[in-house]
Protein backbone atom coordinates (compact mmCIF):
# COMPACT_ATOMS: atom_id res chain seq x y z
CA UNK A 1 0.00 0.00 0.00
CA UNK A 2 1.32 3.46 -0.91
CA UNK A 3 2.32 5.78 1.92
CA UNK A 4 -0.06 8.50 0.73
CA UNK A 5 -3.00 6.10 0.58
CA UNK A 6 -2.15 4.69 4.01
CA UNK A 7 -2.03 8.24 5.43
CA UNK A 8 -5.49 9.04 3.99
CA UNK A 9 -6.95 5.80 5.37
CA UNK A 10 -5.52 6.49 8.84
CA UNK A 11 -6.92 10.03 8.88
CA UNK A 12 -10.35 8.88 7.71
CA UNK A 13 -10.36 6.04 10.26
CA UNK A 14 -9.68 8.53 13.05
CA UNK A 15 -12.42 10.78 11.64
CA UNK A 16 -14.93 7.92 11.56
CA UNK A 17 -14.16 6.90 15.14
CA UNK A 18 -14.23 10.48 16.44
CA UNK A 19 -17.46 11.48 14.68
CA UNK A 20 -19.10 8.25 15.87
CA UNK A 21 -18.20 9.04 19.48
CA UNK A 22 -19.53 12.60 19.13
CA UNK A 23 -22.70 11.32 17.47
CA UNK A 24 -23.44 8.84 20.27
CA UNK A 25 -22.80 11.50 22.91
CA UNK A 26 -24.99 14.13 21.26
CA UNK A 27 -27.79 11.67 20.45
CA UNK A 28 -28.00 10.72 24.12
CA UNK A 29 -28.13 14.43 25.02
CA UNK A 30 -30.61 15.16 22.19
CA UNK A 31 -28.34 17.98 21.07
CA UNK A 32 -28.77 19.55 17.65
CA UNK A 33 -25.10 18.75 17.05
CA UNK A 34 -26.09 15.10 16.53
CA UNK A 35 -27.19 15.98 13.00
CA UNK A 36 -23.81 17.52 12.19
CA UNK A 37 -22.05 14.53 13.78
CA UNK A 38 -24.18 12.10 11.74
CA UNK A 39 -23.52 13.94 8.49
CA UNK A 40 -19.81 14.06 9.20
CA UNK A 41 -19.78 10.38 10.18
CA UNK A 42 -21.38 9.40 6.85
CA UNK A 43 -18.92 11.52 4.86
CA UNK A 44 -15.97 10.04 6.77
CA UNK A 45 -17.31 6.52 6.59
CA UNK A 46 -18.05 6.45 2.87
CA UNK A 47 -14.77 8.07 1.92
CA UNK A 48 -12.98 5.54 4.14
CA UNK A 49 -14.91 2.73 2.43
CA UNK A 50 -13.93 4.07 -0.99
CA UNK A 51 -10.22 4.36 -0.25
CA UNK A 52 -10.07 1.12 1.75
CA UNK A 53 -12.19 -1.03 -0.54
CA UNK A 54 -11.50 0.41 -3.97
CA UNK A 55 -8.13 2.19 -3.85
CA UNK A 56 -6.57 -0.40 -1.51
CA UNK A 57 -8.47 -3.31 -3.06
CA UNK A 58 -9.98 -4.90 0.05
CA UNK A 59 -13.37 -5.16 -1.64
CA UNK A 60 -11.98 -8.19 -3.51
CA UNK A 61 -12.36 -10.14 -0.27
CA UNK A 62 -16.03 -9.18 0.13
CA UNK A 63 -17.54 -8.47 -3.31
CA UNK A 64 -21.11 -8.88 -2.05
CA UNK A 65 -20.72 -5.71 0.06
CA UNK A 66 -20.40 -3.45 -2.97
CA UNK A 67 -23.34 -0.96 -3.07
CA UNK A 68 -24.85 -2.23 0.18
CA UNK A 69 -24.36 1.15 1.89
CA UNK A 70 -24.27 3.36 -1.20
CA UNK A 71 -27.86 4.72 -0.84
CA UNK A 72 -27.06 6.18 2.58
CA UNK A 73 -24.78 8.70 0.86
CA UNK A 74 -27.94 10.61 -0.01
CA UNK A 75 -28.33 11.47 3.70
CA UNK A 76 -25.06 13.40 4.12
CA UNK A 77 -26.35 16.71 2.77
CA UNK A 78 -29.87 16.54 4.33
CA UNK A 79 -28.49 15.89 7.81
CA UNK A 80 -26.18 18.89 7.47
CA UNK A 81 -29.15 20.97 6.29
CA UNK A 82 -31.22 19.95 9.35
CA UNK A 83 -28.30 20.89 11.59
CA UNK A 84 -27.93 24.39 10.10
CA UNK A 85 -31.70 24.99 10.01
CA UNK A 86 -32.01 24.08 13.68
CA UNK A 87 -28.96 26.18 14.55
CA UNK A 88 -30.54 29.24 12.95
CA UNK A 89 -33.85 28.60 14.70
CA UNK A 90 -32.17 27.53 17.96
CA UNK A 91 -34.05 24.23 18.11
CA UNK A 92 -33.00 20.57 18.01
CA UNK A 93 -36.03 19.07 16.29
CA UNK A 94 -36.41 16.23 13.83
CA UNK A 95 -39.66 17.12 12.10
CA UNK A 96 -42.13 14.88 10.33
CA UNK A 97 -41.31 16.59 7.03
CA UNK A 98 -37.64 15.67 7.48
CA UNK A 99 -38.49 12.04 6.69
CA UNK A 100 -38.93 13.20 3.08
CA UNK A 101 -35.14 13.37 2.87
CA UNK A 102 -35.13 9.56 2.96
CA UNK A 103 -36.99 9.27 -0.36
CA UNK A 104 -33.79 9.10 -2.50
CA UNK A 105 -32.40 6.48 -0.11
CA UNK A 106 -35.45 4.26 -0.46
CA UNK A 107 -35.53 4.71 -4.25
CA UNK A 108 -31.86 3.81 -4.52
CA UNK A 109 -32.26 0.65 -2.42
CA UNK A 110 -35.25 -0.44 -4.53
CA UNK A 111 -33.29 0.39 -7.67
CA UNK A 112 -30.38 -1.85 -6.56
CA UNK A 113 -32.50 -4.97 -6.00
CA UNK A 114 -31.56 -6.47 -9.41
CA UNK A 115 -27.85 -6.04 -8.63
CA UNK A 116 -28.20 -7.51 -5.14
CA UNK A 117 -29.76 -10.62 -6.73
CA UNK A 118 -26.83 -11.14 -9.12
CA UNK A 119 -24.53 -14.15 -8.44
CA UNK A 120 -21.32 -13.65 -6.50
CA UNK A 121 -19.19 -14.36 -9.59
CA UNK A 122 -20.75 -11.39 -11.37
CA UNK A 123 -20.12 -9.15 -8.35
CA UNK A 124 -16.51 -10.31 -8.18
CA UNK A 125 -16.03 -9.29 -11.82
CA UNK A 126 -17.42 -5.85 -11.00
CA UNK A 127 -15.18 -5.24 -8.02
CA UNK A 128 -12.16 -6.47 -9.97
CA UNK A 129 -12.89 -3.84 -12.63
CA UNK A 130 -13.24 -1.14 -9.94
CA UNK A 131 -9.97 -2.06 -8.23
CA UNK A 132 -8.11 -2.18 -11.56
CA UNK A 133 -9.46 1.24 -12.51
CA UNK A 134 -11.11 3.19 -9.63
CA UNK A 135 -12.65 5.58 -12.15
CA UNK A 136 -14.98 2.74 -13.13
CA UNK A 137 -16.66 2.71 -9.71
CA UNK A 138 -19.39 5.09 -10.87
CA UNK A 139 -20.04 3.12 -14.07
CA UNK A 140 -20.44 -0.44 -12.76
CA UNK A 141 -22.68 -2.39 -10.38
CA UNK A 142 -25.86 -0.58 -11.36
CA UNK A 143 -29.48 -1.45 -10.75
CA UNK A 144 -32.32 -0.22 -12.92
CA UNK A 145 -30.88 3.31 -12.77
CA UNK A 146 -27.25 3.63 -13.95
CA UNK A 147 -24.87 4.39 -11.09
CA UNK A 148 -23.54 7.34 -13.04
CA UNK A 149 -26.97 8.96 -12.73
CA UNK A 150 -26.97 8.45 -8.96
CA UNK A 151 -23.45 9.83 -8.80
CA UNK A 152 -24.50 13.01 -10.62
CA UNK A 153 -27.72 13.34 -8.59
CA UNK A 154 -25.90 13.02 -5.27
CA UNK A 155 -23.48 15.82 -6.07
CA UNK A 156 -26.22 18.03 -7.52
CA UNK A 157 -28.41 17.45 -4.45
CA UNK A 158 -25.46 18.16 -2.18
CA UNK A 159 -24.78 21.41 -4.02
CA UNK A 160 -28.47 22.29 -3.98
CA UNK A 161 -28.80 21.70 -0.24
CA UNK A 162 -25.72 23.80 0.47
CA UNK A 163 -26.95 26.65 -1.76
CA UNK A 164 -30.32 26.61 0.00
CA UNK A 165 -28.57 26.67 3.37
CA UNK A 166 -26.63 29.77 2.31
CA UNK A 167 -29.90 31.39 1.20
CA UNK A 168 -31.51 30.63 4.57
CA UNK A 169 -28.54 32.03 6.48
CA UNK A 170 -28.46 35.27 4.49
CA UNK A 171 -32.25 35.58 4.73
CA UNK A 172 -32.38 34.95 8.49
CA UNK A 173 -29.17 36.77 9.42
CA UNK A 174 -28.08 39.26 6.73
CA UNK A 175 -24.90 40.19 8.60
CA UNK A 176 -23.93 36.59 9.34
CA UNK A 177 -20.60 36.57 7.52
CA UNK A 178 -19.72 40.20 8.26
CA UNK A 179 -16.83 40.15 10.69
CA UNK A 180 -17.52 36.49 11.42
CA UNK A 181 -13.86 35.53 11.31
CA UNK A 182 -12.39 38.19 13.53
CA UNK A 183 -10.57 36.57 16.47
CA UNK A 184 -12.77 38.49 18.90
CA UNK A 185 -16.05 37.23 17.38
CA UNK A 186 -15.19 33.95 15.68
CA UNK A 187 -18.44 32.43 14.45
CA UNK A 188 -18.52 28.67 14.99
CA UNK A 189 -21.21 28.00 12.41
CA UNK A 190 -19.47 30.17 9.81
CA UNK A 191 -16.31 28.07 10.15
CA UNK A 192 -18.35 24.87 9.77
CA UNK A 193 -19.99 26.34 6.65
CA UNK A 194 -16.60 27.20 5.15
CA UNK A 195 -15.28 23.68 5.72
CA UNK A 196 -18.38 22.07 4.25
CA UNK A 197 -18.37 24.60 1.41
CA UNK A 198 -14.83 23.54 0.54
CA UNK A 199 -15.95 19.92 0.34
CA UNK A 200 -19.02 20.77 -1.77
CA UNK A 201 -17.04 23.04 -4.11
CA UNK A 202 -14.36 20.48 -4.98
CA UNK A 203 -16.84 17.63 -5.33
CA UNK A 204 -18.93 19.77 -7.67
CA UNK A 205 -15.76 20.73 -9.57
CA UNK A 206 -14.98 17.03 -9.87
CA UNK A 207 -18.41 16.48 -11.42
CA UNK A 208 -17.89 19.34 -13.89
CA UNK A 209 -14.53 17.95 -14.98
CA UNK A 210 -16.06 14.50 -15.43
CA UNK A 211 -18.90 15.88 -17.55
CA UNK A 212 -16.48 17.91 -19.68
CA UNK A 213 -14.44 14.77 -20.31
CA UNK A 214 -17.56 12.91 -21.41
CA UNK A 215 -18.18 15.51 -24.11
CA UNK A 216 -14.43 15.53 -24.91
CA UNK A 217 -14.15 19.20 -23.99
CA UNK A 218 -11.41 18.51 -21.47
CA UNK A 219 -9.43 15.61 -20.05
CA UNK A 220 -10.00 14.42 -16.51
CA UNK A 221 -7.00 12.12 -16.35
CA UNK A 222 -5.14 12.75 -13.10
CA UNK A 223 -7.08 15.96 -12.43
CA UNK A 224 -10.21 14.20 -11.18
CA UNK A 225 -8.19 12.31 -8.57
CA UNK A 226 -6.60 15.59 -7.42
CA UNK A 227 -10.02 17.24 -7.00
CA UNK A 228 -11.38 14.29 -5.04
CA UNK A 229 -8.39 14.43 -2.67
CA UNK A 230 -8.63 18.22 -2.35
CA UNK A 231 -12.21 17.81 -1.13
CA UNK A 232 -10.77 15.81 1.77
CA UNK A 233 -9.02 18.94 3.07
CA UNK A 234 -12.35 20.55 4.01
CA UNK A 235 -13.46 17.33 5.68
CA UNK A 236 -10.19 17.09 7.60
CA UNK A 237 -10.47 20.63 8.95
CA UNK A 238 -14.11 20.07 9.86
CA UNK A 239 -13.17 16.94 11.83
CA UNK A 240 -10.43 18.80 13.65
CA UNK A 241 -12.57 21.85 14.33
CA UNK A 242 -15.58 20.14 15.89
CA UNK A 243 -13.27 17.93 17.96
CA UNK A 244 -10.94 20.58 19.37
CA UNK A 245 -13.29 23.58 19.27
CA UNK A 246 -16.63 22.58 20.86
CA UNK A 247 -19.68 24.51 19.67
CA UNK A 248 -20.16 27.47 22.04
CA UNK A 249 -22.72 29.51 20.14
CA UNK A 250 -25.36 27.44 18.47
CA UNK A 251 -26.31 24.84 21.05
CA UNK A 252 -30.09 24.98 21.33
CA UNK A 253 -31.88 25.84 24.49
CA UNK A 254 -33.23 22.52 25.69
CA UNK A 255 -36.97 22.60 25.78
CA UNK A 256 -38.37 21.23 28.98
CA UNK A 257 -35.21 21.72 30.98
CA UNK A 258 -33.10 24.83 30.51
CA UNK A 259 -29.60 24.69 31.84
CA UNK A 260 -28.22 27.29 34.19
CA UNK A 261 -26.06 28.81 31.43
CA UNK A 262 -28.97 29.25 29.01
CA UNK A 263 -30.80 32.53 28.50
CA UNK A 264 -32.38 33.30 31.87
CA UNK A 265 -36.08 33.76 32.41
CA UNK A 266 -36.52 35.58 35.71
CA UNK A 267 -39.77 33.81 36.56
CA UNK A 268 -39.16 33.44 40.25
CA UNK A 269 -38.00 37.03 40.65
CA UNK A 270 -40.80 38.94 38.93
CA UNK A 271 -43.89 40.27 40.69
CA UNK A 272 -46.16 38.88 38.00
CA UNK A 273 -44.80 35.38 38.45
CA UNK A 274 -45.05 35.58 42.20
CA UNK A 275 -48.74 36.29 41.68
CA UNK A 276 -48.99 33.17 39.53
CA UNK A 277 -47.04 31.05 41.98
CA UNK A 278 -48.77 32.11 45.13
CA UNK A 279 -51.86 34.06 46.11
CA UNK A 280 -50.77 34.48 49.71
CA UNK A 281 -52.46 31.30 50.89
CA UNK A 282 -50.86 27.98 51.66
CA UNK A 283 -49.87 26.24 48.44
CA UNK A 284 -51.38 22.80 47.94
CA UNK A 285 -49.04 19.92 47.03
CA UNK A 286 -50.54 19.60 43.55
CA UNK A 287 -50.30 23.32 42.90
CA UNK A 288 -46.67 23.22 44.01
CA UNK A 289 -45.97 20.39 41.56
CA UNK A 290 -47.60 22.40 38.78
CA UNK A 291 -45.49 25.43 39.65
CA UNK A 292 -42.33 23.29 39.72
CA UNK A 293 -43.04 21.91 36.25
CA UNK A 294 -43.59 25.40 34.88
CA UNK A 295 -40.98 27.41 36.76
CA UNK A 296 -38.22 24.88 37.38
CA UNK A 297 -38.46 22.43 34.47
CA UNK A 298 -40.04 24.96 32.06
CA UNK A 299 -42.14 22.36 30.28
CA UNK A 300 -44.09 25.19 28.63
CA UNK A 301 -41.24 25.40 26.10
CA UNK A 302 -42.37 22.08 24.62
CA UNK A 303 -44.27 22.77 21.39
CA UNK A 304 -47.62 21.02 21.38
CA UNK A 305 -47.80 20.65 25.16
CA UNK A 306 -51.46 19.97 26.01
CA UNK A 307 -53.41 19.17 29.15
CA UNK A 308 -53.14 15.41 28.54
CA UNK A 309 -49.34 15.51 28.29
CA UNK A 310 -49.08 17.87 31.27
CA UNK A 311 -51.31 15.60 33.36
CA UNK A 312 -49.17 12.63 32.40
CA UNK A 313 -46.10 14.45 33.70
CA UNK A 314 -47.92 14.99 36.98
CA UNK A 315 -49.28 11.44 37.06
CA UNK A 316 -52.79 12.76 37.70
CA UNK A 317 -56.00 12.63 35.68
CA UNK A 318 -56.77 15.50 33.32
CA UNK A 319 -60.02 16.60 34.94
CA UNK A 320 -58.35 16.91 38.34
CA UNK A 321 -55.45 18.96 36.94
CA UNK A 322 -57.87 21.17 35.02
CA UNK A 323 -59.92 21.75 38.16
CA UNK A 324 -56.87 22.71 40.24
CA UNK A 325 -55.59 25.11 37.55
CA UNK A 326 -59.00 26.76 37.22
CA UNK A 327 -59.48 26.99 40.98
CA UNK A 328 -55.93 27.81 42.15
CA UNK A 329 -54.71 29.97 39.26
CA UNK A 330 -58.01 31.33 37.98
CA UNK A 331 -57.05 30.43 34.43
CA UNK A 332 -57.52 27.71 31.87
CA UNK A 333 -54.56 25.45 31.18
CA UNK A 334 -53.79 27.04 27.80
CA UNK A 335 -53.93 30.55 29.31
CA UNK A 336 -51.57 29.61 32.11
CA UNK A 337 -49.05 27.98 29.77
CA UNK A 338 -49.22 30.83 27.27
CA UNK A 339 -48.60 33.34 30.05
CA UNK A 340 -45.32 31.64 30.88
CA UNK A 341 -44.45 31.37 27.20
CA UNK A 342 -45.02 35.07 26.60
CA UNK A 343 -42.88 35.99 29.60
CA UNK A 344 -40.16 33.78 28.13
CA UNK A 345 -40.53 35.49 24.73
CA UNK A 346 -40.36 38.93 26.31
CA UNK A 347 -37.16 38.00 28.10
CA UNK A 348 -35.64 36.72 24.85
CA UNK A 349 -36.54 39.98 23.11
CA UNK A 350 -34.87 41.92 25.92
CA UNK A 351 -31.81 39.70 25.48
CA UNK A 352 -31.61 40.80 21.83
CA UNK A 353 -33.00 37.61 20.28
CA UNK A 354 -34.81 39.45 17.46
CA UNK A 355 -31.60 41.23 16.46
CA UNK A 356 -30.49 37.95 14.93
CA UNK A 357 -33.58 35.77 14.50
CA UNK A 358 -37.09 35.99 13.10
CA UNK A 359 -40.44 36.22 14.87
CA UNK A 360 -41.22 32.69 13.67
CA UNK A 361 -38.06 31.42 15.37
CA UNK A 362 -38.97 33.34 18.54
CA UNK A 363 -42.43 31.75 18.51
CA UNK A 364 -41.01 28.23 18.20
CA UNK A 365 -38.32 28.92 20.77
CA UNK A 366 -41.03 30.04 23.21
CA UNK A 367 -43.05 26.85 22.74
CA UNK A 368 -45.68 27.96 20.21
CA UNK A 369 -46.67 25.78 17.27
CA UNK A 370 -47.34 28.68 14.91
CA UNK A 371 -46.57 32.34 14.48
CA UNK A 372 -50.27 33.24 14.43
CA UNK A 373 -50.93 31.56 17.80
CA UNK A 374 -47.88 33.33 19.21
CA UNK A 375 -49.04 36.69 17.84
CA UNK A 376 -52.53 36.35 19.32
CA UNK A 377 -51.26 35.16 22.72
CA UNK A 378 -48.64 37.93 22.86
CA UNK A 379 -51.16 40.65 22.02
CA UNK A 380 -53.62 39.28 24.58
CA UNK A 381 -50.97 39.21 27.31
CA UNK A 382 -49.03 42.38 26.50
CA UNK A 383 -51.65 44.49 24.71
CA UNK A 384 -49.43 44.99 21.66
CA UNK A 385 -47.94 42.76 18.95
CA UNK A 386 -44.44 41.23 19.28
CA UNK A 387 -43.04 43.51 16.56
CA UNK A 388 -44.52 46.59 18.25
CA UNK A 389 -43.04 45.50 21.58
CA UNK A 390 -39.65 45.01 19.93
CA UNK A 391 -39.74 48.43 18.26
CA UNK A 392 -40.72 50.04 21.56
CA UNK A 393 -37.95 48.20 23.36
CA UNK A 394 -35.37 49.33 20.76
CA UNK A 395 -36.61 52.91 20.95
CA UNK A 396 -36.03 52.98 24.71
CA UNK A 397 -32.51 51.58 24.51
CA UNK A 398 -29.87 54.05 25.76
């Protein structure tokens, strides 16, 4: 094995192991970073498979494994998109609509069924061709759809996802890249975007060179291999960066339980919240448990929280909880929860949240399912709309 190839395999092996450890850790913590870790793991893993199996020739010992994991390559770009989207919105959600990203994966697996059913001798011939000439890897072992089409689609989708991410960033935060790389205000997400952009750029360039060679407008001999290896530089820096420079800026506020270092909501210290927590009489045990869920665990930040889910947290029947809330707080459940949510939104506005994020993001961050519901609840509680409150707050700044 060549020294250069061995070096690449070692680096990718370290990257796979490291990103897997980060992924497991962040999945257990339900951190938004798990989507970045998963995307990075897939990139590392599939590049390692390519260099280990094809360039080094180890696929000859296991020809039946060729294409088994190929469809999962379609998930690299979507997982990175989900990570950036959640970072901008300061959430950590996997939404129902995100399952649509799996459609190309399912189609590719169905498409490969004819190849999977081929005899092992046929598969051995294919892998022998790929090892003899690695450039053949995207031309052989196809299903109903030629592998070259999947190869082109994957890079185009990757480029499309990245372009849409850039659009979302500029749309949500127009000044995102302005001064982002000054030592005093180094933007973690901007560095991640640059590293991923490097990877996307050189993989797209590789595709362009390949297409030009097909139409005999240029030669890709030697140059295509250089571009593929140059794309590894962005991946290498991204691995190093997320390992040695933990994300300090874009970790989402955990809904349900906000850590001590998250944006504070001075519930216990405000007069309004003391009125909610206590009316001067002795607090019943159930009322105290309700207050603890709202003020200590901040379950009101959970989007879609309803009386049934709240009652389940208390371990008490819905009608009993509803009665206590009506009797002890003088409010319906939805009114009580929305009051806490609006106080949270007001605090975020005072912390400068709307300087960087949209009203829709503020609504979701405060536990509302929609912007309209947030708008109506805010106006009912505060007497003015969120945008009017923000303008008034800005006007009174010193």
